Amino acid sequence: VGSGTAVVDEPRLTLRLEDEGLLPPGWAAPPKPPVRVVLDARGRLARGALLDTAAAPTLVFTTAAAPAEALSRWSDAGVDVCVVGAGRGGGVRLEEV
């Protein structure tokens, strides 16, 4: 998910099929929650469910434009951070994701 959606909508991006009774009969839930991926070139993600790594692991792809405070905040929350090059317009270079 992009940082704009993450900041405005604060999505959980967690699998809730079992909790909501949506698993088809005989199907099992995955043994581990899927990894949530955020593209945030400038360190905008400051709060919200995506920083709750107890619910599911989160991986943020960012660039050198993200302030040190953002990198520290993410690391303190248990988020995995990968700094990649910037693409056109300054966003995360998708070829490196």
Protein backbone atom coordinates (compact mmCIF):
# COMPACT_ATOMS: atom_id res chain seq x y z
CA VAL A 1 0.00 0.00 0.00
CA GLY A 2 1.22 3.53 -0.63
CA SER A 3 1.89 5.98 2.16
CA GLY A 4 -1.03 8.21 1.16
CA THR A 5 -3.53 5.38 1.64
CA ALA A 6 -1.77 4.25 4.82
CA VAL A 7 -1.98 7.73 6.36
CA VAL A 8 -5.52 8.64 5.27
CA ASP A 9 -7.33 5.29 5.53
CA GLU A 10 -5.21 3.59 8.22
CA PRO A 11 -5.89 0.10 6.81
CA ARG A 12 -5.08 -2.97 8.90
CA LEU A 13 -4.18 -5.16 5.93
CA THR A 14 -4.69 -8.26 8.01
CA LEU A 15 -6.36 -11.53 7.13
CA ARG A 16 -9.67 -11.76 8.97
CA LEU A 17 -11.42 -14.60 7.14
CA GLU A 18 -11.53 -16.90 10.14
CA ASP A 19 -12.76 -14.20 12.54
CA GLU A 20 -15.55 -13.18 10.19
CA GLY A 21 -16.61 -16.71 9.22
CA LEU A 22 -15.57 -16.22 5.60
CA LEU A 23 -13.36 -19.29 5.20
CA PRO A 24 -15.02 -21.89 2.98
CA PRO A 25 -15.83 -25.16 4.76
CA GLY A 26 -12.78 -27.38 5.06
CA TRP A 27 -10.30 -24.58 4.40
CA ALA A 28 -7.65 -23.75 6.94
CA ALA A 29 -6.34 -20.28 7.70
CA PRO A 30 -2.69 -19.66 6.82
CA PRO A 31 -0.32 -20.60 9.66
CA LYS A 32 1.19 -17.09 9.71
CA PRO A 33 -0.27 -13.73 8.72
CA PRO A 34 0.90 -12.33 5.37
CA VAL A 35 3.50 -9.56 5.40
CA ARG A 36 2.08 -6.07 4.94
CA VAL A 37 4.14 -3.90 2.56
CA VAL A 38 4.14 -0.10 2.61
CA LEU A 39 5.83 2.17 0.07
CA ASP A 40 6.74 5.38 1.90
CA ALA A 41 9.51 7.40 0.26
CA ARG A 42 9.39 10.32 2.68
CA GLY A 43 8.58 8.82 6.07
CA ARG A 44 4.94 9.88 6.26
CA LEU A 45 3.63 6.81 8.13
CA ALA A 46 3.68 7.91 11.78
CA ARG A 47 0.86 5.96 13.42
CA GLY A 48 -1.87 3.45 12.78
CA ALA A 49 -2.48 -0.27 12.53
CA LEU A 50 0.40 -0.87 10.14
CA LEU A 51 2.83 -0.11 12.97
CA ASP A 52 1.22 -2.81 15.13
CA THR A 53 3.48 -5.72 14.29
CA ALA A 54 1.73 -7.95 16.82
CA ALA A 55 -1.16 -8.19 14.32
CA ALA A 56 1.06 -8.97 11.32
CA PRO A 57 4.60 -8.21 10.17
CA THR A 58 5.11 -4.95 8.26
CA LEU A 59 7.82 -4.11 5.74
CA VAL A 60 8.35 -0.48 4.71
CA PHE A 61 10.25 0.39 1.56
CA THR A 62 11.56 3.94 1.76
CA THR A 63 14.26 6.21 0.32
CA ALA A 64 17.07 8.35 1.69
CA ALA A 65 14.52 11.21 1.78
CA ALA A 66 12.82 9.67 4.84
CA PRO A 67 13.92 11.47 8.02
CA ALA A 68 15.91 9.59 10.65
CA GLU A 69 12.96 10.00 13.05
CA ALA A 70 10.74 7.95 10.74
CA LEU A 71 13.31 5.18 10.42
CA SER A 72 13.70 5.12 14.21
CA ARG A 73 9.93 5.12 14.80
CA TRP A 74 9.48 2.19 12.42
CA SER A 75 12.35 0.21 13.93
CA ASP A 76 11.08 0.85 17.46
CA ALA A 77 7.69 -0.53 16.40
CA GLY A 78 9.30 -3.72 15.04
CA VAL A 79 8.74 -2.79 11.41
CA ASP A 80 11.30 -4.07 8.90
CA VAL A 81 12.71 -1.20 6.83
CA CYS A 82 14.38 -1.39 3.44
CA VAL A 83 15.93 1.79 2.03
CA VAL A 84 15.95 1.76 -1.78
CA GLY A 85 16.64 4.29 -4.49
CA ALA A 86 14.19 6.99 -5.49
CA GLY A 87 12.34 6.76 -8.75
CA ARG A 88 11.00 9.54 -10.92
CA GLY A 89 9.19 12.10 -8.83
CA GLY A 90 11.04 11.03 -5.69
CA GLY A 91 8.91 7.98 -4.89
CA VAL A 92 10.18 4.51 -4.08
CA ARG A 93 11.91 2.95 -7.09
CA LEU A 94 9.58 0.04 -7.83
CA GLU A 95 12.27 -1.99 -9.60
CA GLU A 96 13.99 -2.33 -6.22
CA VAL A 97 10.95 -3.57 -4.33
